[in-house]
């Protein structure tokens, strides 16, 4: 993989001079992240996704984590990066527009993180996860004042899935379906 070279585009060619623009060589990004083309001034404008913060979780075993996030939790791998073939991986996974970075690099973060996902139906996702063998640490409940559940990945990272509670839910009153 070659390095990215920063390049400011021609304002007339791109219609905007705000933001950071890159010339990409052998670098893959998911569809929809780039605007313009090299023919329009030699650079690409990186668009802002709806999710403006991307949390990173530390993983220790690439194959195990990939199997869990893809096969059990239903995420899709957007991209993977390694500096060399047998080096640690840094990857992006996404599900329903919610993106996570998973990193084997010990300097990025520590295992045992917690990420919150806002979803429309906690109970439906719970059923799906249970059918696929997910490690559900906390079944769906209203303990926090909204419907939520917690799943734990193979490295001990917690993934809390939450949705607005029903109007009759009482904070602190655990429920199960």
N, C-alpha and C. Protein backbone atom coordinates (compact mmCIF):
# COMPACT_ATOMS: atom_id res chain seq x y z
N UNK A 1 0.85 -1.17 0.00
CA UNK A 1 0.00 0.00 0.00
C UNK A 1 0.90 1.24 0.00
N UNK A 2 0.60 2.16 -0.87
CA UNK A 2 1.37 3.40 -0.92
C UNK A 2 0.79 4.42 0.03
N UNK A 3 1.57 5.43 0.38
CA UNK A 3 1.11 6.47 1.30
C UNK A 3 0.14 7.42 0.62
N UNK A 4 -0.69 8.08 1.43
CA UNK A 4 -1.60 9.11 0.91
C UNK A 4 -0.85 10.43 0.91
N UNK A 5 -1.01 11.20 -0.13
CA UNK A 5 -0.39 12.51 -0.21
C UNK A 5 -1.47 13.56 -0.07
N UNK A 6 -1.30 14.46 0.88
CA UNK A 6 -2.27 15.53 1.07
C UNK A 6 -2.18 16.49 -0.10
N UNK A 7 -3.32 16.95 -0.58
CA UNK A 7 -3.34 17.84 -1.73
C UNK A 7 -4.57 18.74 -1.67
N UNK A 8 -4.39 20.02 -1.75
CA UNK A 8 -5.52 20.95 -1.82
C UNK A 8 -5.99 21.00 -3.27
N UNK A 9 -7.27 20.84 -3.51
CA UNK A 9 -7.78 20.82 -4.88
C UNK A 9 -7.97 22.21 -5.45
N UNK A 10 -8.18 22.25 -6.73
CA UNK A 10 -8.54 23.48 -7.41
C UNK A 10 -9.97 23.82 -7.01
N UNK A 11 -10.19 25.02 -6.45
CA UNK A 11 -11.51 25.40 -5.94
C UNK A 11 -12.58 25.33 -7.03
N UNK A 12 -12.26 25.76 -8.23
CA UNK A 12 -13.24 25.75 -9.31
C UNK A 12 -13.61 24.32 -9.70
N UNK A 13 -12.66 23.42 -9.60
CA UNK A 13 -12.92 22.03 -10.00
C UNK A 13 -13.79 21.31 -8.98
N UNK A 14 -13.65 21.62 -7.72
CA UNK A 14 -14.39 20.88 -6.69
C UNK A 14 -15.59 21.62 -6.16
N UNK A 15 -15.63 22.93 -6.35
CA UNK A 15 -16.74 23.71 -5.84
C UNK A 15 -16.60 24.05 -4.37
N UNK A 16 -15.52 23.65 -3.74
CA UNK A 16 -15.31 23.95 -2.32
C UNK A 16 -13.82 23.91 -2.02
N UNK A 17 -13.40 24.79 -1.15
CA UNK A 17 -12.00 24.79 -0.75
C UNK A 17 -11.87 24.50 0.74
N UNK A 18 -12.96 24.10 1.36
CA UNK A 18 -12.94 23.82 2.79
C UNK A 18 -12.75 22.33 2.99
N UNK A 19 -11.98 21.96 3.98
CA UNK A 19 -11.81 20.54 4.32
C UNK A 19 -10.47 20.03 3.86
N UNK A 20 -10.24 18.80 4.13
CA UNK A 20 -8.98 18.15 3.77
C UNK A 20 -9.23 17.27 2.55
N UNK A 21 -8.34 17.35 1.59
CA UNK A 21 -8.49 16.59 0.37
C UNK A 21 -7.27 15.72 0.17
N UNK A 22 -7.47 14.56 -0.43
CA UNK A 22 -6.39 13.60 -0.56
C UNK A 22 -6.29 13.08 -1.98
N UNK A 23 -5.11 12.69 -2.36
CA UNK A 23 -4.89 11.96 -3.58
C UNK A 23 -4.68 10.51 -3.13
N UNK A 24 -5.52 9.60 -3.59
CA UNK A 24 -5.46 8.23 -3.14
C UNK A 24 -4.79 7.35 -4.18
N UNK A 25 -3.86 6.54 -3.74
CA UNK A 25 -3.20 5.57 -4.59
C UNK A 25 -3.25 4.23 -3.86
N UNK A 26 -3.90 3.26 -4.42
CA UNK A 26 -4.01 1.93 -3.81
C UNK A 26 -4.57 2.01 -2.39
N UNK A 27 -5.54 2.87 -2.18
CA UNK A 27 -6.15 3.02 -0.85
C UNK A 27 -7.65 2.88 -1.03
N UNK A 28 -8.26 1.98 -0.28
CA UNK A 28 -9.68 1.71 -0.46
C UNK A 28 -10.49 2.34 0.66
N UNK A 29 -11.58 3.00 0.31
CA UNK A 29 -12.55 3.51 1.27
C UNK A 29 -13.92 3.01 0.86
N UNK A 30 -14.83 2.89 1.82
CA UNK A 30 -16.17 2.41 1.49
C UNK A 30 -16.88 3.33 0.50
N UNK A 31 -17.78 2.77 -0.30
CA UNK A 31 -18.54 3.60 -1.25
C UNK A 31 -19.26 4.73 -0.53
N UNK A 32 -19.32 5.89 -1.15
CA UNK A 32 -20.03 7.01 -0.58
C UNK A 32 -19.16 7.94 0.24
N UNK A 33 -17.90 7.58 0.52
CA UNK A 33 -17.03 8.44 1.31
C UNK A 33 -16.34 9.50 0.46
N UNK A 34 -16.28 9.28 -0.84
CA UNK A 34 -15.54 10.21 -1.69
C UNK A 34 -16.47 10.93 -2.65
N UNK A 35 -16.13 12.20 -2.93
CA UNK A 35 -16.82 12.99 -3.94
C UNK A 35 -15.79 13.41 -4.97
N UNK A 36 -16.24 13.64 -6.18
CA UNK A 36 -15.34 14.15 -7.21
C UNK A 36 -14.51 13.04 -7.82
N UNK A 37 -13.54 13.43 -8.62
CA UNK A 37 -12.65 12.44 -9.22
C UNK A 37 -11.31 13.10 -9.50
N UNK A 38 -10.36 12.26 -9.75
CA UNK A 38 -9.02 12.78 -10.05
C UNK A 38 -9.05 13.67 -11.29
N UNK A 39 -9.96 13.38 -12.20
CA UNK A 39 -10.07 14.17 -13.43
C UNK A 39 -10.60 15.57 -13.17
N UNK A 40 -11.22 15.79 -12.02
CA UNK A 40 -11.82 17.09 -11.71
C UNK A 40 -10.88 17.99 -10.92
N UNK A 41 -9.62 17.72 -10.92
CA UNK A 41 -8.70 18.59 -10.21
C UNK A 41 -7.65 17.83 -9.44
N UNK A 42 -7.62 16.53 -9.60
CA UNK A 42 -6.55 15.74 -9.01
C UNK A 42 -6.77 15.33 -7.58
N UNK A 43 -7.89 15.64 -6.98
CA UNK A 43 -8.10 15.26 -5.59
C UNK A 43 -9.51 14.77 -5.35
N UNK A 44 -9.73 14.24 -4.21
CA UNK A 44 -11.04 13.77 -3.80
C UNK A 44 -11.45 14.50 -2.55
N UNK A 45 -12.72 14.85 -2.43
CA UNK A 45 -13.22 15.44 -1.19
C UNK A 45 -13.79 14.33 -0.33
N UNK A 46 -13.39 14.25 0.91
CA UNK A 46 -13.91 13.24 1.82
C UNK A 46 -15.19 13.78 2.42
N UNK A 47 -16.30 13.08 2.25
CA UNK A 47 -17.58 13.53 2.78
C UNK A 47 -17.69 13.18 4.25
N UNK A 48 -18.53 13.89 4.95
CA UNK A 48 -18.76 13.61 6.36
C UNK A 48 -19.90 12.62 6.49
N UNK A 49 -19.65 11.48 7.14
CA UNK A 49 -20.73 10.52 7.36
C UNK A 49 -21.65 11.02 8.46
N UNK A 50 -22.85 10.41 8.58
CA UNK A 50 -23.76 10.80 9.65
C UNK A 50 -23.16 10.54 11.01
N UNK A 51 -22.51 9.40 11.19
CA UNK A 51 -21.85 9.10 12.46
C UNK A 51 -20.52 9.83 12.46
N UNK A 52 -20.37 10.82 13.32
CA UNK A 52 -19.19 11.68 13.28
C UNK A 52 -18.09 11.25 14.23
N UNK A 53 -18.35 10.27 15.11
CA UNK A 53 -17.34 9.73 16.01
C UNK A 53 -17.31 8.23 15.80
N UNK A 54 -16.11 7.66 15.68
CA UNK A 54 -16.00 6.22 15.48
C UNK A 54 -15.19 5.65 16.65
N UNK A 55 -15.86 4.90 17.53
CA UNK A 55 -15.15 4.31 18.66
C UNK A 55 -14.25 3.15 18.20
N UNK A 56 -13.18 2.95 18.94
CA UNK A 56 -12.26 1.84 18.66
C UNK A 56 -12.25 0.91 19.87
N UNK A 57 -12.28 -0.38 19.58
CA UNK A 57 -12.19 -1.40 20.62
C UNK A 57 -10.95 -2.25 20.36
N UNK A 58 -10.29 -2.64 21.40
CA UNK A 58 -9.09 -3.47 21.30
C UNK A 58 -9.51 -4.93 21.19
N UNK A 59 -8.93 -5.61 20.23
CA UNK A 59 -9.11 -7.05 20.08
C UNK A 59 -7.75 -7.72 20.17
N UNK A 60 -7.73 -8.97 20.61
CA UNK A 60 -6.44 -9.66 20.75
C UNK A 60 -6.27 -10.81 19.77
N UNK A 61 -7.36 -11.32 19.22
CA UNK A 61 -7.30 -12.44 18.28
C UNK A 61 -8.15 -12.08 17.06
N UNK A 62 -7.49 -11.78 15.96
CA UNK A 62 -8.17 -11.32 14.75
C UNK A 62 -9.25 -12.28 14.27
N UNK A 63 -8.90 -13.55 14.08
CA UNK A 63 -9.86 -14.52 13.54
C UNK A 63 -11.07 -14.68 14.46
N UNK A 64 -10.83 -14.79 15.74
CA UNK A 64 -11.92 -14.96 16.71
C UNK A 64 -12.83 -13.73 16.73
N UNK A 65 -12.25 -12.55 16.76
CA UNK A 65 -13.04 -11.32 16.79
C UNK A 65 -13.81 -11.11 15.51
N UNK A 66 -13.18 -11.36 14.38
CA UNK A 66 -13.87 -11.21 13.10
C UNK A 66 -15.05 -12.17 13.02
N UNK A 67 -14.85 -13.40 13.42
CA UNK A 67 -15.95 -14.38 13.41
C UNK A 67 -17.09 -13.94 14.32
N UNK A 68 -16.77 -13.34 15.46
CA UNK A 68 -17.81 -12.92 16.41
C UNK A 68 -18.58 -11.71 15.88
N UNK A 69 -17.85 -10.68 15.46
CA UNK A 69 -18.52 -9.46 15.00
C UNK A 69 -19.31 -9.69 13.71
N UNK A 70 -18.80 -10.51 12.82
CA UNK A 70 -19.49 -10.77 11.55
C UNK A 70 -20.53 -11.88 11.70
N UNK A 71 -20.11 -13.03 12.19
CA UNK A 71 -21.00 -14.19 12.24
C UNK A 71 -22.04 -14.16 13.34
N UNK A 72 -21.72 -13.56 14.48
CA UNK A 72 -22.63 -13.56 15.62
C UNK A 72 -23.40 -12.24 15.73
N UNK A 73 -22.70 -11.12 15.60
CA UNK A 73 -23.36 -9.82 15.78
C UNK A 73 -23.88 -9.21 14.48
N UNK A 74 -23.53 -9.78 13.35
CA UNK A 74 -24.10 -9.32 12.09
C UNK A 74 -23.45 -8.09 11.49
N UNK A 75 -22.25 -7.73 11.92
CA UNK A 75 -21.53 -6.62 11.31
C UNK A 75 -20.93 -7.07 9.98
N UNK A 76 -20.55 -6.12 9.15
CA UNK A 76 -19.89 -6.37 7.89
C UNK A 76 -18.53 -5.68 7.95
N UNK A 77 -17.51 -6.35 7.47
CA UNK A 77 -16.17 -5.74 7.42
C UNK A 77 -16.15 -4.74 6.28
N UNK A 78 -15.86 -3.47 6.60
CA UNK A 78 -15.72 -2.43 5.57
C UNK A 78 -14.33 -2.48 4.96
N UNK A 79 -13.33 -2.55 5.81
CA UNK A 79 -11.95 -2.62 5.34
C UNK A 79 -11.06 -3.13 6.46
N UNK A 80 -9.89 -3.59 6.07
CA UNK A 80 -8.86 -4.05 7.01
C UNK A 80 -7.54 -3.45 6.57
N UNK A 81 -6.68 -3.18 7.55
CA UNK A 81 -5.36 -2.63 7.24
C UNK A 81 -4.31 -3.31 8.10
N UNK A 82 -3.20 -3.66 7.47
CA UNK A 82 -2.00 -4.16 8.15
C UNK A 82 -0.82 -3.49 7.46
N UNK A 83 0.19 -3.12 8.24
CA UNK A 83 1.38 -2.53 7.64
C UNK A 83 2.17 -3.57 6.86
N UNK A 84 2.15 -4.80 7.34
CA UNK A 84 2.78 -5.93 6.67
C UNK A 84 1.88 -7.14 6.89
N UNK A 85 2.10 -8.19 6.13
CA UNK A 85 1.22 -9.36 6.14
C UNK A 85 0.94 -9.92 7.53
N UNK A 86 1.93 -10.07 8.37
CA UNK A 86 1.74 -10.70 9.68
C UNK A 86 1.70 -9.69 10.83
N UNK A 87 1.45 -8.44 10.51
CA UNK A 87 1.35 -7.40 11.54
C UNK A 87 -0.07 -7.36 12.10
N UNK A 88 -0.26 -6.67 13.23
CA UNK A 88 -1.61 -6.54 13.80
C UNK A 88 -2.56 -5.84 12.83
N UNK A 89 -3.83 -6.17 12.95
CA UNK A 89 -4.85 -5.61 12.07
C UNK A 89 -5.51 -4.40 12.71
N UNK A 90 -5.93 -3.47 11.87
CA UNK A 90 -6.81 -2.36 12.25
C UNK A 90 -7.92 -2.43 11.23
N UNK A 91 -9.16 -2.61 11.69
CA UNK A 91 -10.26 -2.85 10.75
C UNK A 91 -11.49 -2.05 11.12
N UNK A 92 -12.36 -1.89 10.14
CA UNK A 92 -13.62 -1.20 10.34
C UNK A 92 -14.75 -2.17 10.07
N UNK A 93 -15.70 -2.23 11.02
CA UNK A 93 -16.90 -3.04 10.83
C UNK A 93 -18.10 -2.12 10.96
N UNK A 94 -19.20 -2.48 10.28
CA UNK A 94 -20.39 -1.63 10.28
C UNK A 94 -21.64 -2.50 10.28
N UNK A 95 -22.65 -2.00 10.96
CA UNK A 95 -23.97 -2.62 10.92
C UNK A 95 -25.00 -1.51 11.02
N UNK A 96 -25.94 -1.50 10.12
CA UNK A 96 -27.02 -0.51 10.12
C UNK A 96 -26.51 0.92 10.28
N UNK A 97 -25.42 1.23 9.60
CA UNK A 97 -24.86 2.57 9.64
C UNK A 97 -24.04 2.90 10.88
N UNK A 98 -23.85 1.93 11.76
CA UNK A 98 -23.05 2.14 12.98
C UNK A 98 -21.69 1.48 12.79
N UNK A 99 -20.66 2.29 12.87
CA UNK A 99 -19.31 1.84 12.56
C UNK A 99 -18.46 1.72 13.82
N UNK A 100 -17.61 0.71 13.83
CA UNK A 100 -16.63 0.50 14.91
C UNK A 100 -15.28 0.23 14.28
N UNK A 101 -14.22 0.67 14.94
CA UNK A 101 -12.89 0.23 14.58
C UNK A 101 -12.51 -0.86 15.57
N UNK A 102 -11.89 -1.91 15.07
CA UNK A 102 -11.35 -2.99 15.90
C UNK A 102 -9.86 -3.02 15.65
N UNK A 103 -9.08 -2.96 16.73
CA UNK A 103 -7.64 -2.84 16.59
C UNK A 103 -6.90 -3.86 17.43
N UNK A 104 -5.90 -4.50 16.82
CA UNK A 104 -4.99 -5.38 17.55
C UNK A 104 -3.79 -4.60 18.08
N UNK A 105 -3.67 -3.35 17.74
CA UNK A 105 -2.52 -2.54 18.18
C UNK A 105 -2.68 -2.19 19.65
N UNK A 106 -1.75 -2.63 20.48
CA UNK A 106 -1.87 -2.43 21.93
C UNK A 106 -1.83 -0.97 22.33
N UNK A 107 -1.26 -0.11 21.51
CA UNK A 107 -1.18 1.30 21.84
C UNK A 107 -2.44 2.09 21.52
N UNK A 108 -3.37 1.50 20.80
CA UNK A 108 -4.59 2.22 20.43
C UNK A 108 -5.56 2.35 21.59
N UNK A 109 -5.80 1.28 22.31
CA UNK A 109 -6.72 1.27 23.44
C UNK A 109 -6.55 -0.05 24.18
N UNK A 110 -7.20 -0.17 25.31
CA UNK A 110 -7.11 -1.38 26.11
C UNK A 110 -8.37 -2.21 25.95
N UNK A 111 -8.26 -3.50 26.20
CA UNK A 111 -9.46 -4.35 26.17
C UNK A 111 -10.36 -3.95 27.33
N UNK A 112 -11.63 -4.27 27.19
CA UNK A 112 -12.59 -3.96 28.25
C UNK A 112 -13.32 -2.66 28.03
N UNK A 113 -13.42 -2.19 26.79
CA UNK A 113 -14.13 -0.96 26.49
C UNK A 113 -15.64 -1.13 26.55
N UNK A 114 -16.35 -0.02 26.44
CA UNK A 114 -17.81 -0.01 26.44
C UNK A 114 -18.26 0.95 25.35
N UNK A 115 -19.13 0.46 24.45
CA UNK A 115 -19.69 1.28 23.38
C UNK A 115 -21.20 1.15 23.43
N UNK A 116 -21.90 2.27 23.25
CA UNK A 116 -23.36 2.29 23.23
C UNK A 116 -23.86 2.42 21.79
N UNK A 117 -24.87 1.63 21.44
CA UNK A 117 -25.50 1.67 20.13
C UNK A 117 -26.97 2.00 20.33
N UNK A 118 -27.48 2.97 19.59
CA UNK A 118 -28.90 3.30 19.64
C UNK A 118 -29.57 2.55 18.49
N UNK A 119 -30.52 1.69 18.85
CA UNK A 119 -31.19 0.84 17.86
C UNK A 119 -32.70 0.95 18.06
N UNK A 120 -33.48 0.56 17.06
CA UNK A 120 -34.93 0.71 17.18
C UNK A 120 -35.61 -0.33 18.06
N UNK A 121 -35.05 -1.56 18.15
CA UNK A 121 -35.76 -2.62 18.85
C UNK A 121 -34.78 -3.55 19.55
N UNK A 122 -34.54 -3.29 20.82
CA UNK A 122 -33.58 -4.08 21.61
C UNK A 122 -34.00 -5.54 21.67
N UNK A 123 -35.28 -5.80 21.86
CA UNK A 123 -35.75 -7.17 22.02
C UNK A 123 -35.55 -8.00 20.74
N UNK A 124 -35.78 -7.39 19.59
CA UNK A 124 -35.57 -8.10 18.32
C UNK A 124 -34.09 -8.43 18.13
N UNK A 125 -33.22 -7.47 18.45
CA UNK A 125 -31.79 -7.72 18.32
C UNK A 125 -31.35 -8.78 19.33
N UNK A 126 -31.93 -8.77 20.53
CA UNK A 126 -31.60 -9.77 21.55
C UNK A 126 -31.92 -11.16 21.01
N UNK A 127 -33.10 -11.31 20.43
CA UNK A 127 -33.50 -12.60 19.87
C UNK A 127 -32.51 -13.05 18.80
N UNK A 128 -32.16 -12.13 17.91
CA UNK A 128 -31.19 -12.45 16.84
C UNK A 128 -29.85 -12.85 17.43
N UNK A 129 -29.35 -12.08 18.38
CA UNK A 129 -28.05 -12.38 18.98
C UNK A 129 -28.05 -13.72 19.69
N UNK A 130 -29.10 -14.01 20.45
CA UNK A 130 -29.19 -15.28 21.18
C UNK A 130 -29.21 -16.46 20.21
N UNK A 131 -29.95 -16.32 19.10
CA UNK A 131 -30.01 -17.38 18.10
C UNK A 131 -28.65 -17.64 17.47
N UNK A 132 -27.82 -16.61 17.41
CA UNK A 132 -26.48 -16.74 16.81
C UNK A 132 -25.41 -17.08 17.84
N UNK A 133 -25.78 -17.19 19.11
CA UNK A 133 -24.82 -17.59 20.15
C UNK A 133 -24.05 -16.47 20.81
N UNK A 134 -24.58 -15.26 20.81
CA UNK A 134 -23.90 -14.13 21.44
C UNK A 134 -23.84 -14.30 22.96
N UNK A 135 -22.81 -13.75 23.54
CA UNK A 135 -22.67 -13.74 24.99
C UNK A 135 -23.41 -12.51 25.53
N UNK A 136 -24.67 -12.71 25.93
CA UNK A 136 -25.47 -11.60 26.44
C UNK A 136 -25.24 -11.49 27.94
N UNK A 137 -24.58 -10.42 28.36
CA UNK A 137 -24.26 -10.22 29.79
C UNK A 137 -25.47 -9.70 30.55
N UNK A 138 -26.25 -8.85 29.91
CA UNK A 138 -27.47 -8.30 30.52
C UNK A 138 -28.59 -8.41 29.49
N UNK A 139 -29.62 -9.20 29.81
CA UNK A 139 -30.77 -9.35 28.93
C UNK A 139 -31.51 -8.02 28.84
N UNK A 140 -32.38 -7.87 27.86
CA UNK A 140 -33.13 -6.62 27.74
C UNK A 140 -33.83 -6.26 29.04
N UNK A 141 -33.68 -4.98 29.42
CA UNK A 141 -34.28 -4.47 30.66
C UNK A 141 -34.44 -2.97 30.54
N UNK A 142 -35.09 -2.37 31.53
CA UNK A 142 -35.31 -0.92 31.57
C UNK A 142 -34.59 -0.29 32.75
N UNK A 143 -33.55 -0.94 33.25
CA UNK A 143 -32.84 -0.48 34.45
C UNK A 143 -32.30 0.93 34.35
N UNK A 144 -31.94 1.37 33.17
CA UNK A 144 -31.34 2.69 33.01
C UNK A 144 -32.37 3.75 32.61
N UNK A 145 -33.65 3.37 32.60
CA UNK A 145 -34.69 4.30 32.21
C UNK A 145 -35.02 4.23 30.73
N UNK A 146 -34.38 3.30 30.04
CA UNK A 146 -34.66 3.05 28.63
C UNK A 146 -34.34 1.59 28.37
N UNK A 147 -34.89 1.04 27.31
CA UNK A 147 -34.67 -0.37 26.98
C UNK A 147 -33.23 -0.57 26.57
N UNK A 148 -32.55 -1.55 27.18
CA UNK A 148 -31.15 -1.80 26.85
C UNK A 148 -30.77 -3.24 27.15
N UNK A 149 -29.67 -3.67 26.57
CA UNK A 149 -29.05 -4.96 26.87
C UNK A 149 -27.56 -4.81 26.61
N UNK A 150 -26.78 -5.68 27.20
CA UNK A 150 -25.33 -5.63 27.03
C UNK A 150 -24.82 -6.97 26.54
N UNK A 151 -24.02 -6.92 25.49
CA UNK A 151 -23.36 -8.08 24.92
C UNK A 151 -21.87 -7.91 25.15
N UNK A 152 -21.17 -9.02 25.39
CA UNK A 152 -19.73 -8.97 25.62
C UNK A 152 -19.02 -9.72 24.50
N UNK A 153 -17.99 -9.09 23.94
CA UNK A 153 -17.24 -9.76 22.87
C UNK A 153 -16.19 -10.69 23.48
N UNK A 154 -15.47 -11.47 22.67
CA UNK A 154 -14.50 -12.43 23.21
C UNK A 154 -13.36 -11.80 24.03
N UNK A 155 -13.12 -10.51 23.86
CA UNK A 155 -12.06 -9.84 24.62
C UNK A 155 -12.58 -9.12 25.86
N UNK A 156 -13.87 -9.21 26.13
CA UNK A 156 -14.44 -8.55 27.31
C UNK A 156 -14.93 -7.14 27.05
N UNK A 157 -14.91 -6.68 25.80
CA UNK A 157 -15.49 -5.38 25.48
C UNK A 157 -17.01 -5.49 25.58
N UNK A 158 -17.63 -4.46 26.14
CA UNK A 158 -19.08 -4.46 26.30
C UNK A 158 -19.73 -3.63 25.20
N UNK A 159 -20.76 -4.18 24.61
CA UNK A 159 -21.54 -3.50 23.58
C UNK A 159 -22.94 -3.36 24.14
N UNK A 160 -23.32 -2.12 24.46
CA UNK A 160 -24.65 -1.87 25.04
C UNK A 160 -25.57 -1.36 23.94
N UNK A 161 -26.63 -2.10 23.72
CA UNK A 161 -27.62 -1.75 22.71
C UNK A 161 -28.82 -1.17 23.43
N UNK A 162 -29.29 0.00 22.99
CA UNK A 162 -30.35 0.69 23.73
C UNK A 162 -31.33 1.36 22.79
N UNK A 163 -32.56 1.48 23.29
CA UNK A 163 -33.65 2.14 22.57
C UNK A 163 -34.51 2.85 23.60
N UNK A 164 -35.29 3.83 23.20
CA UNK A 164 -36.17 4.50 24.15
C UNK A 164 -37.08 3.48 24.84
N UNK A 165 -37.29 3.67 26.13
CA UNK A 165 -38.16 2.77 26.89
C UNK A 165 -39.61 3.02 26.53
N UNK A 166 -40.41 2.04 26.75
CA UNK A 166 -41.85 2.21 26.55
C UNK A 166 -42.36 3.20 27.58
N UNK A 167 -43.46 3.89 27.31
CA UNK A 167 -43.97 4.91 28.22
C UNK A 167 -44.27 4.39 29.63
N UNK A 168 -44.57 3.09 29.76
CA UNK A 168 -44.91 2.56 31.08
C UNK A 168 -43.71 1.95 31.80
N UNK A 169 -42.49 2.03 31.19
CA UNK A 169 -41.32 1.45 31.84
C UNK A 169 -40.90 2.29 33.04
N UNK A 170 -40.53 1.62 34.11
CA UNK A 170 -40.06 2.29 35.30
C UNK A 170 -38.57 2.10 35.45
N UNK A 171 -37.79 3.18 35.62
CA UNK A 171 -36.34 3.01 35.82
C UNK A 171 -36.10 2.12 37.03
N UNK A 172 -35.15 1.22 36.86
CA UNK A 172 -34.79 0.34 37.97
C UNK A 172 -35.62 -0.92 38.03
N UNK A 173 -36.66 -1.03 37.23
CA UNK A 173 -37.51 -2.23 37.24
C UNK A 173 -37.07 -3.14 36.11
N UNK A 174 -36.32 -4.17 36.45
CA UNK A 174 -35.82 -5.09 35.44
C UNK A 174 -36.98 -5.88 34.85
N UNK A 175 -36.92 -6.04 33.55
CA UNK A 175 -37.92 -6.85 32.86
C UNK A 175 -37.21 -7.79 31.93
N UNK A 176 -37.86 -8.83 31.55
CA UNK A 176 -37.29 -9.74 30.56
C UNK A 176 -38.39 -10.22 29.65
N UNK A 177 -38.02 -10.42 28.41
CA UNK A 177 -38.99 -10.91 27.42
C UNK A 177 -38.49 -12.20 26.84
